[in-house]
N, C-alpha and C. Protein backbone atom coordinates (compact mmCIF):
# COMPACT_ATOMS: atom_id res chain seq x y z
N MET A 1 0.80 -1.34 -0.02
CA MET A 1 0.39 0.20 0.03
C MET A 1 0.63 1.00 0.04
N THR A 2 0.87 1.69 -0.85
CA THR A 2 1.16 3.27 -1.10
C THR A 2 0.25 4.78 -1.11
N ILE A 3 0.48 5.50 -0.34
CA ILE A 3 -0.73 6.68 -0.72
C ILE A 3 0.72 7.67 -0.37
N ASP A 4 -0.07 8.78 -0.79
CA ASP A 4 0.75 10.42 -1.58
C ASP A 4 0.49 11.19 -0.59
N THR A 5 0.01 11.17 1.07
CA THR A 5 0.54 11.58 2.22
C THR A 5 0.64 10.73 3.47
N PRO A 6 1.47 11.37 4.05
CA PRO A 6 2.07 10.81 5.21
C PRO A 6 0.90 10.45 6.07
N LEU A 7 0.16 9.56 7.62
CA LEU A 7 -0.69 8.90 7.90
C LEU A 7 -0.96 9.81 9.16
N ASP A 8 -2.17 10.39 9.02
CA ASP A 8 -2.44 10.97 10.73
C ASP A 8 -3.17 9.77 11.43
N ARG A 9 -2.00 10.63 12.88
CA ARG A 9 -2.31 9.28 13.78
C ARG A 9 -3.33 8.25 14.58
N ASP A 10 -4.35 8.93 13.52
CA ASP A 10 -5.54 7.86 13.41
C ASP A 10 -5.53 7.22 12.64
N GLU A 11 -4.84 6.92 11.00
CA GLU A 11 -5.33 6.21 10.17
C GLU A 11 -4.00 5.04 10.39
N LEU A 12 -2.84 5.49 11.34
CA LEU A 12 -1.84 5.03 11.51
C LEU A 12 -1.66 3.86 12.32
N ALA A 13 -3.01 4.34 13.30
CA ALA A 13 -3.93 3.37 14.74
C ALA A 13 -4.48 2.05 13.29
N ALA A 14 -5.12 2.77 12.83
CA ALA A 14 -6.04 1.30 11.70
C ALA A 14 -5.20 0.74 11.15
N VAL A 15 -4.19 1.36 10.54
CA VAL A 15 -3.50 0.09 9.90
C VAL A 15 -2.48 -1.05 11.21
N ILE A 16 -2.42 -0.11 11.72
CA ILE A 16 -1.59 -1.68 13.12
C ILE A 16 -2.95 -2.13 13.12
N ALA A 17 -4.17 -1.87 13.47
CA ALA A 17 -5.44 -2.69 14.04
C ALA A 17 -5.82 -3.51 12.99
N ARG A 18 -5.28 -3.22 12.07
CA ARG A 18 -6.27 -4.11 10.86
C ARG A 18 -4.50 -5.41 10.96
N ASP A 19 -3.26 -5.16 11.01
CA ASP A 19 -2.85 -6.02 10.75
C ASP A 19 -2.33 -6.92 12.29
N ILE A 20 -2.92 -6.83 13.47
CA ILE A 20 -2.75 -7.08 14.41
C ILE A 20 -3.99 -9.06 14.46
N PRO A 21 -3.28 -9.95 14.19
CA PRO A 21 -3.70 -11.23 13.75
C PRO A 21 -5.26 -11.91 14.57
N ALA A 22 -6.19 -12.06 14.47
CA ALA A 22 -7.73 -12.93 14.93
C ALA A 22 -6.88 -12.93 16.64
N GLY A 23 -7.58 -12.96 17.17
CA GLY A 23 -7.64 -14.23 18.37
C GLY A 23 -6.09 -13.76 19.50
N SER A 24 -5.33 -12.27 18.93
CA SER A 24 -4.46 -12.12 19.98
C SER A 24 -4.75 -11.43 20.74
N TYR A 25 -3.66 -11.91 22.08
CA TYR A 25 -3.70 -11.34 23.19
C TYR A 25 -2.54 -10.49 23.06
N VAL A 26 -3.09 -8.83 23.67
CA VAL A 26 -2.14 -7.51 22.70
C VAL A 26 -2.51 -6.73 23.83
N ASN A 27 -1.50 -6.49 24.12
CA ASN A 27 -1.37 -5.08 24.71
C ASN A 27 -0.62 -3.80 24.17
N LEU A 28 -1.31 -2.42 24.37
CA LEU A 28 -0.84 -1.02 24.25
C LEU A 28 -0.39 -0.24 25.23
N GLY A 29 0.40 0.26 24.68
CA GLY A 29 1.41 0.90 25.31
C GLY A 29 0.83 2.84 25.19
N ILE A 30 0.93 3.05 26.22
CA ILE A 30 1.04 4.55 26.66
C ILE A 30 1.62 5.52 25.38
N GLY A 31 0.53 6.68 24.88
CA GLY A 31 0.49 7.58 23.98
C GLY A 31 0.14 7.22 22.80
N GLN A 32 0.35 7.08 21.77
CA GLN A 32 -0.49 6.73 20.36
C GLN A 32 -0.59 5.63 20.49
N PRO A 33 0.07 4.43 20.74
CA PRO A 33 -0.71 3.16 21.13
C PRO A 33 -2.39 2.74 21.06
N THR A 34 -2.17 3.63 22.61
CA THR A 34 -3.60 3.18 22.83
C THR A 34 -4.70 3.60 21.87
N LEU A 35 -4.37 4.16 21.26
CA LEU A 35 -5.52 4.65 19.67
C LEU A 35 -5.41 3.73 18.71
N VAL A 36 -5.18 2.36 18.81
CA VAL A 36 -5.10 1.12 18.28
C VAL A 36 -6.22 0.72 18.70
N ALA A 37 -7.06 0.71 19.94
CA ALA A 37 -8.05 -0.30 20.73
C ALA A 37 -9.22 0.85 20.24
N ASP A 38 -9.44 2.15 19.49
CA ASP A 38 -10.47 2.38 18.82
C ASP A 38 -10.82 2.12 17.54
N HIS A 39 -9.79 1.17 17.10
CA HIS A 39 -9.47 0.83 15.27
C HIS A 39 -10.03 -0.82 15.15
N LEU A 40 -9.78 -1.93 16.28
CA LEU A 40 -9.55 -2.82 16.41
C LEU A 40 -11.76 -3.59 15.81
N LYS A 41 -11.86 -4.54 14.74
CA LYS A 41 -12.96 -5.00 14.92
C LYS A 41 -13.17 -5.68 15.80
N PRO A 42 -14.57 -5.96 16.55
CA PRO A 42 -15.19 -6.96 17.14
C PRO A 42 -14.50 -8.40 16.71
N GLU A 43 -15.06 -8.37 15.46
CA GLU A 43 -15.08 -9.99 14.54
C GLU A 43 -13.25 -10.36 14.76
N ALA A 44 -12.52 -10.21 15.05
CA ALA A 44 -11.44 -9.99 14.75
C ALA A 44 -11.15 -10.74 16.05
N GLU A 45 -11.97 -10.75 17.51
CA GLU A 45 -11.59 -11.11 18.79
C GLU A 45 -10.38 -10.79 19.36
N VAL A 46 -9.54 -10.15 19.46
CA VAL A 46 -8.52 -9.25 19.80
C VAL A 46 -9.01 -8.94 21.68
N VAL A 47 -7.88 -9.80 22.32
CA VAL A 47 -8.16 -9.00 23.64
C VAL A 47 -7.44 -8.62 24.24
N LEU A 48 -7.78 -7.21 24.43
CA LEU A 48 -6.66 -6.42 25.18
C LEU A 48 -6.23 -6.41 26.63
N HIS A 49 -5.44 -6.23 26.96
CA HIS A 49 -4.37 -6.80 28.11
C HIS A 49 -3.85 -5.33 28.30
N THR A 50 -4.63 -4.81 29.68
CA THR A 50 -3.64 -3.46 30.37
C THR A 50 -3.36 -3.71 31.76
N GLU A 51 -1.60 -3.02 31.55
CA GLU A 51 -0.42 -3.52 32.75
C GLU A 51 -1.61 -3.18 33.86
N ASN A 52 -2.24 -2.65 34.38
CA ASN A 52 -2.98 -2.00 35.45
C ASN A 52 -3.66 -3.24 35.89
N GLY A 53 -3.95 -4.30 35.20
CA GLY A 53 -4.82 -5.27 35.71
C GLY A 53 -6.07 -5.43 35.18
N MET A 54 -6.28 -5.49 33.88
CA MET A 54 -7.48 -5.95 32.99
C MET A 54 -7.26 -6.85 31.51
N LEU A 55 -7.44 -7.82 31.86
CA LEU A 55 -7.70 -8.17 30.35
C LEU A 55 -9.70 -7.98 29.94
N GLY A 56 -9.12 -8.09 28.38
CA GLY A 56 -10.91 -7.46 28.27
C GLY A 56 -11.57 -5.98 27.84
N MET A 57 -10.25 -5.06 27.95
CA MET A 57 -10.31 -3.67 27.22
C MET A 57 -11.31 -3.31 26.56
N GLY A 58 -12.00 -2.45 26.07
CA GLY A 58 -12.19 -1.75 24.76
C GLY A 58 -11.90 -0.50 24.26
N ALA A 59 -12.68 0.40 23.70
CA ALA A 59 -12.14 1.36 23.20
C ALA A 59 -12.66 2.50 24.61
N ALA A 60 -11.37 3.77 24.09
CA ALA A 60 -11.51 4.60 24.72
C ALA A 60 -13.05 5.11 25.28
N ALA A 61 -12.67 4.96 26.50
CA ALA A 61 -14.63 5.61 26.65
C ALA A 61 -14.98 7.05 26.87
N THR A 62 -16.21 7.28 26.38
CA THR A 62 -16.48 9.37 26.00
C THR A 62 -17.76 9.12 26.49
N GLY A 63 -18.50 10.70 26.96
CA GLY A 63 -19.43 10.81 27.24
C GLY A 63 -19.92 10.07 28.42
N THR A 64 -21.23 9.73 28.32
CA THR A 64 -21.30 8.77 29.55
C THR A 64 -20.63 7.53 30.17
N ASP A 65 -20.32 6.66 29.59
CA ASP A 65 -19.56 5.94 29.19
C ASP A 65 -18.36 6.22 30.10
N VAL A 66 -18.34 7.47 30.21
CA VAL A 66 -16.63 7.64 31.04
C VAL A 66 -16.76 7.02 32.73
N ASP A 67 -15.90 5.62 33.50
CA ASP A 67 -16.51 5.72 34.54
C ASP A 67 -14.49 6.22 35.20
N GLU A 68 -14.46 7.26 36.12
CA GLU A 68 -12.94 7.66 36.32
C GLU A 68 -12.24 6.02 37.09
N ASP A 69 -12.86 5.12 37.10
CA ASP A 69 -12.21 3.73 37.87
C ASP A 69 -11.62 3.19 37.02
N LEU A 70 -12.18 3.17 35.46
CA LEU A 70 -11.94 2.29 34.72
C LEU A 70 -11.43 2.74 34.04
N ILE A 71 -9.45 2.67 33.61
CA ILE A 71 -8.52 3.16 33.12
C ILE A 71 -7.82 2.21 32.63
N ASN A 72 -7.14 2.80 32.01
CA ASN A 72 -5.90 1.73 30.99
C ASN A 72 -4.35 2.64 32.04
N ALA A 73 -3.74 1.85 31.60
CA ALA A 73 -2.39 2.19 32.55
C ALA A 73 -1.95 4.10 31.86
N GLY A 74 -1.98 4.15 30.89
CA GLY A 74 -2.31 5.60 30.79
C GLY A 74 -3.29 6.72 31.12
N LYS A 75 -4.21 5.92 32.57
CA LYS A 75 -5.43 7.03 32.52
C LYS A 75 -6.36 7.28 32.27
N ILE A 76 -6.19 6.72 31.12
CA ILE A 76 -7.23 7.17 29.82
C ILE A 76 -8.40 6.14 29.75
N PRO A 77 -9.91 6.48 30.38
CA PRO A 77 -10.85 5.84 30.43
C PRO A 77 -11.19 4.98 29.96
N VAL A 78 -11.95 4.08 29.98
CA VAL A 78 -11.91 2.81 28.85
C VAL A 78 -13.20 2.56 29.34
N THR A 79 -13.47 1.30 28.04
CA THR A 79 -14.80 0.34 28.72
C THR A 79 -13.93 -1.13 28.38
N GLU A 80 -15.61 -1.40 28.42
CA GLU A 80 -15.47 -3.23 28.80
C GLU A 80 -16.25 -3.77 27.77
N LEU A 81 -15.24 -4.93 27.73
CA LEU A 81 -15.50 -5.76 26.73
C LEU A 81 -16.79 -7.21 27.54
N PRO A 82 -17.67 -8.17 26.96
CA PRO A 82 -17.96 -8.76 27.50
C PRO A 82 -17.21 -9.79 28.15
N GLY A 83 -17.53 -10.05 28.82
CA GLY A 83 -15.99 -11.26 29.99
C GLY A 83 -15.52 -10.76 30.25
N ALA A 84 -15.13 -9.48 30.45
CA ALA A 84 -13.95 -9.02 31.20
C ALA A 84 -13.49 -9.27 32.54
N SER A 85 -12.40 -8.93 32.77
CA SER A 85 -11.53 -9.51 33.71
C SER A 85 -10.73 -8.52 34.73
N TYR A 86 -10.84 -8.25 35.63
CA TYR A 86 -9.53 -7.38 36.20
C TYR A 86 -8.50 -8.65 37.83
N PHE A 87 -7.62 -7.63 38.01
CA PHE A 87 -6.78 -8.97 38.62
C PHE A 87 -5.83 -7.86 39.02
N HIS A 88 -5.05 -8.55 40.15
CA HIS A 88 -3.72 -7.75 41.01
C HIS A 88 -2.64 -7.31 39.97
N HIS A 89 -1.93 -6.41 40.08
CA HIS A 89 -0.69 -5.92 39.50
C HIS A 89 -0.15 -6.24 39.19
N ALA A 90 0.80 -7.31 40.10
CA ALA A 90 1.03 -8.72 39.92
C ALA A 90 1.23 -9.55 38.91
N ASP A 91 -0.36 -9.92 39.00
CA ASP A 91 -0.31 -10.95 38.38
C ASP A 91 -0.59 -10.75 37.20
N SER A 92 -0.48 -8.90 36.32
CA SER A 92 -1.01 -8.28 35.59
C SER A 92 0.84 -8.70 34.47
N PHE A 93 1.81 -8.21 35.47
CA PHE A 93 2.94 -8.30 34.91
C PHE A 93 3.82 -9.68 34.63
N ALA A 94 2.83 -10.78 35.53
CA ALA A 94 3.54 -12.34 35.63
C ALA A 94 3.41 -13.13 33.71
N MET A 95 2.07 -12.17 33.80
CA MET A 95 1.05 -12.30 32.35
C MET A 95 2.71 -11.95 30.73
N MET A 96 2.62 -10.60 31.71
CA MET A 96 3.34 -9.87 30.64
C MET A 96 5.34 -10.44 30.62
N ARG A 97 5.92 -10.76 31.32
CA ARG A 97 6.69 -11.61 32.05
C ARG A 97 6.69 -13.30 30.86
N GLY A 98 5.14 -13.40 31.07
CA GLY A 98 5.24 -14.94 31.27
C GLY A 98 5.28 -15.16 29.95
N GLY A 99 5.21 -14.66 28.43
CA GLY A 99 4.90 -14.72 27.30
C GLY A 99 3.40 -15.61 26.91
N HIS A 100 2.82 -14.92 27.59
CA HIS A 100 1.08 -14.90 27.52
C HIS A 100 0.55 -13.74 26.56
N LEU A 101 1.53 -12.62 26.14
CA LEU A 101 0.62 -11.82 25.03
C LEU A 101 1.47 -12.31 23.43
N ASP A 102 0.31 -11.65 22.46
CA ASP A 102 1.09 -12.18 21.36
C ASP A 102 1.81 -10.93 20.67
N VAL A 103 1.32 -9.80 21.20
CA VAL A 103 1.59 -8.64 20.66
C VAL A 103 1.47 -7.80 21.76
N CYS A 104 2.47 -6.57 21.85
CA CYS A 104 2.27 -5.13 21.73
C CYS A 104 2.63 -4.38 20.82
N VAL A 105 1.99 -3.44 21.34
CA VAL A 105 2.54 -2.15 20.60
C VAL A 105 3.09 -0.79 20.82
N LEU A 106 4.03 -0.43 21.32
CA LEU A 106 5.01 0.62 21.86
C LEU A 106 5.30 1.64 21.39
N GLY A 107 5.04 2.81 22.08
CA GLY A 107 6.18 3.94 21.57
C GLY A 107 7.73 3.75 21.78
N ALA A 108 8.14 4.82 21.02
CA ALA A 108 9.86 4.97 20.95
C ALA A 108 10.87 6.41 21.22
N PHE A 109 11.45 6.29 21.84
CA PHE A 109 12.69 7.39 21.44
C PHE A 109 13.26 6.72 19.46
N GLN A 110 13.65 5.91 20.38
CA GLN A 110 14.93 4.98 18.43
C GLN A 110 14.34 3.52 18.66
N VAL A 111 15.04 3.14 17.22
CA VAL A 111 14.88 1.84 16.87
C VAL A 111 15.95 1.29 16.13
N SER A 112 16.93 0.57 16.21
CA SER A 112 17.97 0.10 15.58
C SER A 112 17.52 -0.83 15.04
N ARG A 113 18.24 -0.99 13.44
CA ARG A 113 18.32 -1.50 12.76
C ARG A 113 18.24 -3.11 12.73
N SER A 114 18.90 -3.37 14.04
CA SER A 114 19.14 -4.84 14.65
C SER A 114 17.91 -5.53 15.56
N GLY A 115 16.51 -4.40 15.66
CA GLY A 115 15.28 -4.74 16.78
C GLY A 115 15.45 -4.13 18.45
N ASP A 116 17.00 -3.10 18.17
CA ASP A 116 16.86 -2.86 19.81
C ASP A 116 15.96 -1.96 20.18
N LEU A 117 15.14 -1.35 20.91
CA LEU A 117 14.56 -0.37 21.50
C LEU A 117 14.55 0.58 22.30
N ALA A 118 14.76 1.38 22.05
CA ALA A 118 14.75 2.94 22.96
C ALA A 118 13.52 3.78 23.18
N ASN A 119 13.07 3.59 24.73
CA ASN A 119 11.94 4.03 24.79
C ASN A 119 11.39 4.87 26.28
N TRP A 120 12.12 4.79 27.34
CA TRP A 120 12.27 4.52 28.10
C TRP A 120 12.89 6.42 28.46
N HIS A 121 13.94 6.64 28.08
CA HIS A 121 14.95 8.07 28.54
C HIS A 121 15.27 8.25 27.00
N THR A 122 15.37 9.73 26.93
CA THR A 122 16.32 10.26 25.84
C THR A 122 17.68 10.80 26.31
N GLY A 123 17.96 10.25 27.25
CA GLY A 123 19.81 10.42 28.05
C GLY A 123 19.89 11.57 28.21
N ALA A 124 18.75 12.79 27.86
CA ALA A 124 19.06 14.31 28.68
C ALA A 124 19.18 14.27 29.93
N PRO A 125 20.06 15.20 30.76
CA PRO A 125 20.24 15.72 32.05
C PRO A 125 18.66 16.02 32.08
N ASP A 126 17.83 16.33 31.02
CA ASP A 126 16.76 17.48 32.21
C ASP A 126 15.54 16.65 31.97
N ALA A 127 15.58 15.50 30.70
CA ALA A 127 14.85 14.98 30.55
C ALA A 127 13.98 13.67 31.96
N ILE A 128 12.46 13.27 31.93
CA ILE A 128 11.83 12.64 33.30
C ILE A 128 11.73 11.33 32.18
N PRO A 129 12.63 10.49 33.25
CA PRO A 129 12.35 8.85 32.72
C PRO A 129 11.35 8.29 33.22
N ALA A 130 11.18 7.36 32.25
CA ALA A 130 9.79 6.62 32.44
C ALA A 130 9.53 4.95 31.75
N VAL A 131 10.63 4.05 32.83
CA VAL A 131 10.65 3.29 32.50
C VAL A 131 8.62 2.20 32.56
N GLY A 132 8.17 2.26 33.08
CA GLY A 132 6.59 1.46 33.05
C GLY A 132 6.64 -0.25 32.94
N GLY A 133 6.09 -0.32 32.08
CA GLY A 133 6.17 -1.87 31.96
C GLY A 133 7.08 -2.09 30.96
N ALA A 134 7.39 -1.34 29.98
CA ALA A 134 7.85 -1.75 28.68
C ALA A 134 8.79 -2.38 28.33
N MET A 135 10.22 -2.50 29.77
CA MET A 135 11.12 -3.86 29.71
C MET A 135 10.05 -5.09 29.80
N ASP A 136 9.22 -5.03 30.76
CA ASP A 136 9.06 -6.02 30.43
C ASP A 136 7.95 -6.39 29.16
N LEU A 137 7.27 -5.94 28.71
CA LEU A 137 6.63 -5.82 26.77
C LEU A 137 7.80 -6.72 26.31
N ALA A 138 8.83 -5.59 25.83
CA ALA A 138 9.69 -5.84 25.38
C ALA A 138 10.23 -7.28 25.35
N ILE A 139 10.52 -7.75 26.17
CA ILE A 139 10.88 -9.57 25.97
C ILE A 139 9.99 -10.40 26.42
N GLY A 140 8.83 -9.53 26.94
CA GLY A 140 7.84 -11.01 26.51
C GLY A 140 6.69 -11.17 26.30
N ALA A 141 6.59 -10.12 24.99
CA ALA A 141 5.42 -10.50 24.22
C ALA A 141 6.28 -11.09 22.61
N LYS A 142 5.18 -11.97 22.33
CA LYS A 142 5.84 -12.80 21.04
C LYS A 142 6.10 -12.12 20.16
N ASN A 143 5.47 -10.69 20.23
CA ASN A 143 6.02 -9.36 18.67
C ASN A 143 5.71 -8.29 19.08
N VAL A 144 6.75 -7.66 19.60
CA VAL A 144 6.78 -6.55 19.61
C VAL A 144 6.52 -5.62 18.78
N TYR A 145 5.72 -4.64 18.20
CA TYR A 145 5.44 -3.84 17.09
C TYR A 145 5.80 -1.98 17.72
N VAL A 146 5.84 -1.21 16.90
CA VAL A 146 6.77 -0.26 17.51
C VAL A 146 6.09 0.70 16.65
N MET A 147 5.07 1.80 17.32
CA MET A 147 4.23 3.38 16.38
C MET A 147 5.08 4.95 17.13
N MET A 148 5.53 5.22 16.16
CA MET A 148 6.26 6.43 16.59
C MET A 148 6.27 6.72 15.07
N SER A 149 6.96 8.37 15.06
CA SER A 149 6.77 9.11 14.39
C SER A 149 8.73 8.67 13.53
N LEU A 150 8.55 8.56 12.78
CA LEU A 150 10.13 8.53 11.83
C LEU A 150 10.71 9.66 11.90
N PHE A 151 10.82 10.73 11.94
CA PHE A 151 11.88 11.47 12.13
C PHE A 151 11.58 12.58 13.81
N THR A 152 12.39 13.18 13.92
CA THR A 152 12.74 14.33 15.36
C THR A 152 11.57 15.16 14.57
N LYS A 153 11.82 16.53 15.53
CA LYS A 153 11.29 17.77 15.21
C LYS A 153 12.13 17.80 14.47
N ASP A 154 13.59 17.98 14.81
CA ASP A 154 14.89 18.57 13.49
C ASP A 154 14.95 17.82 12.15
N GLY A 155 14.03 16.73 12.26
CA GLY A 155 14.37 15.70 10.94
C GLY A 155 15.54 14.66 10.91
N THR A 156 15.77 14.81 11.86
CA THR A 156 17.11 13.19 12.18
C THR A 156 16.08 12.17 12.49
N ALA A 157 16.34 10.78 11.33
CA ALA A 157 16.02 9.42 11.76
C ALA A 157 15.45 8.56 13.23
N LYS A 158 14.47 8.45 14.08
CA LYS A 158 14.31 7.82 14.75
C LYS A 158 14.97 6.27 14.36
N LEU A 159 15.09 5.86 13.40
CA LEU A 159 15.17 4.37 13.04
C LEU A 159 17.10 4.13 12.78
N VAL A 160 17.80 4.21 13.03
CA VAL A 160 19.39 3.99 13.01
C VAL A 160 19.70 3.20 13.07
N PRO A 161 21.59 3.27 12.89
CA PRO A 161 22.15 2.01 12.89
C PRO A 161 21.85 1.32 14.85
N GLU A 162 22.32 2.44 15.37
CA GLU A 162 22.79 1.79 17.06
C GLU A 162 21.79 3.10 17.25
N CYS A 163 21.33 2.59 18.71
CA CYS A 163 20.44 3.18 19.49
C CYS A 163 21.95 4.24 20.51
N THR A 164 21.44 5.69 20.54
CA THR A 164 21.92 7.11 21.47
C THR A 164 21.10 6.54 22.94
N CYS A 165 20.20 6.53 22.94
CA CYS A 165 19.48 6.82 24.20
C CYS A 165 19.44 4.86 25.09
N PRO A 166 19.45 5.25 25.86
CA PRO A 166 19.17 4.59 26.90
C PRO A 166 18.49 3.20 26.55
N LEU A 167 18.74 2.04 26.76
CA LEU A 167 17.90 1.33 26.17
C LEU A 167 16.73 0.37 26.98
N THR A 168 15.90 0.07 25.99
CA THR A 168 14.98 -0.73 26.94
C THR A 168 14.51 -2.02 26.58
N GLY A 169 15.52 -2.91 25.65
CA GLY A 169 15.21 -4.12 24.91
C GLY A 169 16.12 -4.26 23.87
N LEU A 170 16.77 -5.37 23.89
CA LEU A 170 17.85 -6.02 22.61
C LEU A 170 17.08 -6.55 21.42
N ARG A 171 17.11 -6.78 20.42
CA ARG A 171 16.49 -7.71 19.61
C ARG A 171 15.42 -8.09 19.45
N CYS A 172 14.31 -6.70 19.93
CA CYS A 172 12.90 -7.15 20.08
C CYS A 172 12.13 -6.93 19.22
N VAL A 173 12.58 -5.82 18.29
CA VAL A 173 11.21 -5.14 18.07
C VAL A 173 11.58 -5.84 16.13
N SER A 174 9.98 -6.32 16.16
CA SER A 174 9.59 -7.28 14.77
C SER A 174 9.03 -6.10 13.76
N ARG A 175 8.24 -5.05 13.73
CA ARG A 175 7.52 -4.08 13.37
C ARG A 175 7.70 -2.83 13.78
N VAL A 176 8.28 -1.77 12.74
CA VAL A 176 8.03 -0.10 13.12
C VAL A 176 6.82 0.41 12.30
N TYR A 177 5.87 0.54 12.89
CA TYR A 177 5.19 1.91 11.91
C TYR A 177 5.09 3.02 11.97
N THR A 178 5.33 3.77 11.26
CA THR A 178 5.47 5.32 11.21
C THR A 178 4.77 5.98 10.34
N HIS A 179 4.03 7.30 10.40
CA HIS A 179 2.90 8.33 9.68
C HIS A 179 4.09 7.77 7.70
N HIS A 180 4.98 7.72 7.97
CA HIS A 180 5.54 7.73 6.57
C HIS A 180 5.87 6.59 6.06
N ALA A 181 5.92 5.52 6.42
CA ALA A 181 6.37 4.08 6.32
C ALA A 181 6.30 2.93 7.44
N ILE A 182 6.23 2.04 6.63
CA ILE A 182 6.55 0.51 7.82
C ILE A 182 7.31 -0.08 7.71
N PHE A 183 8.28 -0.23 8.34
CA PHE A 183 9.01 -1.33 8.04
C PHE A 183 9.14 -2.87 8.78
N ASP A 184 9.55 -3.73 8.30
CA ASP A 184 10.08 -4.81 8.89
C ASP A 184 11.42 -5.12 9.03
N ILE A 185 11.49 -5.81 10.20
CA ILE A 185 12.99 -5.98 11.32
C ILE A 185 13.11 -7.27 11.35
N ASP A 186 14.37 -7.95 11.14
CA ASP A 186 14.92 -9.05 11.33
C ASP A 186 15.97 -9.10 12.25
N PRO A 187 16.05 -9.44 13.53
CA PRO A 187 16.63 -8.90 13.89
C PRO A 187 17.75 -9.55 14.21
N ALA A 188 17.97 -11.20 13.65
CA ALA A 188 18.88 -11.82 13.65
C ALA A 188 19.84 -11.82 12.53
N GLU A 189 19.38 -10.59 11.16
CA GLU A 189 20.05 -10.45 10.67
C GLU A 189 20.61 -9.02 10.38
N GLY A 190 19.60 -8.16 10.87
CA GLY A 190 20.23 -7.29 11.36
C GLY A 190 19.51 -5.77 9.94
N VAL A 191 18.10 -6.76 9.07
CA VAL A 191 18.12 -6.26 7.90
C VAL A 191 16.37 -5.56 7.77
N VAL A 192 16.19 -4.55 7.35
CA VAL A 192 14.96 -3.89 7.26
C VAL A 192 14.36 -3.94 6.53
N THR A 193 13.44 -4.09 6.12
CA THR A 193 12.57 -4.03 4.88
C THR A 193 11.34 -2.98 4.65
N VAL A 194 11.16 -2.11 3.95
CA VAL A 194 9.94 -1.16 3.83
C VAL A 194 9.04 -2.26 2.93
N ARG A 195 7.71 -1.82 4.24
CA ARG A 195 6.37 -2.67 3.55
C ARG A 195 5.58 -1.72 2.84
N ASP A 196 5.52 -0.61 3.34
CA ASP A 196 4.55 0.75 2.94
C ASP A 196 5.03 1.94 3.26
N THR A 197 4.93 2.62 1.99
CA THR A 197 5.22 4.17 2.49
C THR A 197 3.70 4.96 2.12
N PHE A 198 4.61 6.16 2.56
CA PHE A 198 3.34 6.93 2.53
C PHE A 198 3.39 8.53 2.89
N GLY A 199 3.80 9.41 1.56
CA GLY A 199 3.62 10.64 0.95
C GLY A 199 5.36 10.39 1.07
N ILE A 200 5.71 9.32 0.78
CA ILE A 200 7.44 9.15 0.84
C ILE A 200 7.99 9.01 -0.42
N THR A 201 8.55 9.41 -1.10
CA THR A 201 9.47 7.92 -1.92
C THR A 201 10.44 6.56 -1.44
N MET A 202 11.08 5.66 -1.76
CA MET A 202 11.76 5.42 -1.79
C MET A 202 13.18 6.18 -1.55
N SER A 203 13.36 6.36 -2.63
CA SER A 203 14.44 7.46 -2.39
C SER A 203 15.20 8.41 -1.12
N GLU A 204 13.61 8.88 -0.66
CA GLU A 204 13.90 10.27 -0.21
C GLU A 204 14.00 9.35 1.35
N LEU A 205 13.28 8.23 1.91
CA LEU A 205 13.41 7.35 2.76
C LEU A 205 15.06 6.80 3.07
N ARG A 206 15.77 6.71 1.45
CA ARG A 206 16.98 5.74 1.98
C ARG A 206 18.00 7.03 2.28
N SER A 207 17.50 8.08 1.50
CA SER A 207 18.40 10.05 1.59
C SER A 207 18.10 10.44 3.25
N ARG A 208 17.51 10.19 4.02
CA ARG A 208 16.94 10.31 5.20
C ARG A 208 17.22 9.59 6.72
N VAL A 209 17.30 7.97 5.79
CA VAL A 209 17.25 7.49 6.93
C VAL A 209 18.44 6.15 7.64
N PRO A 210 19.04 6.25 8.09
CA PRO A 210 20.53 6.38 8.03
C PRO A 210 21.32 4.31 7.89
N ILE A 211 20.10 3.71 7.61
CA ILE A 211 20.15 2.56 7.06
C ILE A 211 20.58 2.42 6.23
N GLU A 212 20.91 0.74 5.64
CA GLU A 212 20.80 0.25 4.26
C GLU A 212 18.76 0.06 4.56
N LEU A 213 18.00 0.02 3.39
CA LEU A 213 16.99 -0.24 3.14
C LEU A 213 16.65 -0.76 2.29
N ALA A 214 15.79 -2.27 2.07
CA ALA A 214 15.06 -3.58 2.06
C ALA A 214 14.19 -2.69 0.67
């Protein structure tokens, strides 16, 4: 799929929702990834897990559906689906660490060509670190998808030869979704393949992203 303009956040979330295999157990990270919940089709029977202790989370709650006691890990009010269950925070992390999640979708500051993930700290002296459950998800989920902007505000690529930000996990990312393109990563080989582009040509990608792209 190639379109003429970059995707906005909701369009990108819809693409990720489409790509999640039916019947998967999925955790959505804080920030942009939470939008994916709003685009999952009921017939896909995807079960959302949130690290603060819930299985069967639905889309974001609005209007009279808002219950301030029913939130995701990002403190956003959410809905519950039929059969939803609740459990202790420690049990939730046991699910994450125990390999019970099929997919997690995380944000990132950087991803390397070998699938290394940096998403908890920029390394800047005045930055506020935010580890959360990302390290547990990065090593525990069977597939780690990253949803991020491809470039920083100054135009620097966030898909890099090696991460310079503090690492969250090594060789854990299998796919990167950005507003300009989608990339598959083979951590074992360090090969990055462009699946789709949005409002950017392969020539432009190769000139702006400092790694070899297949």
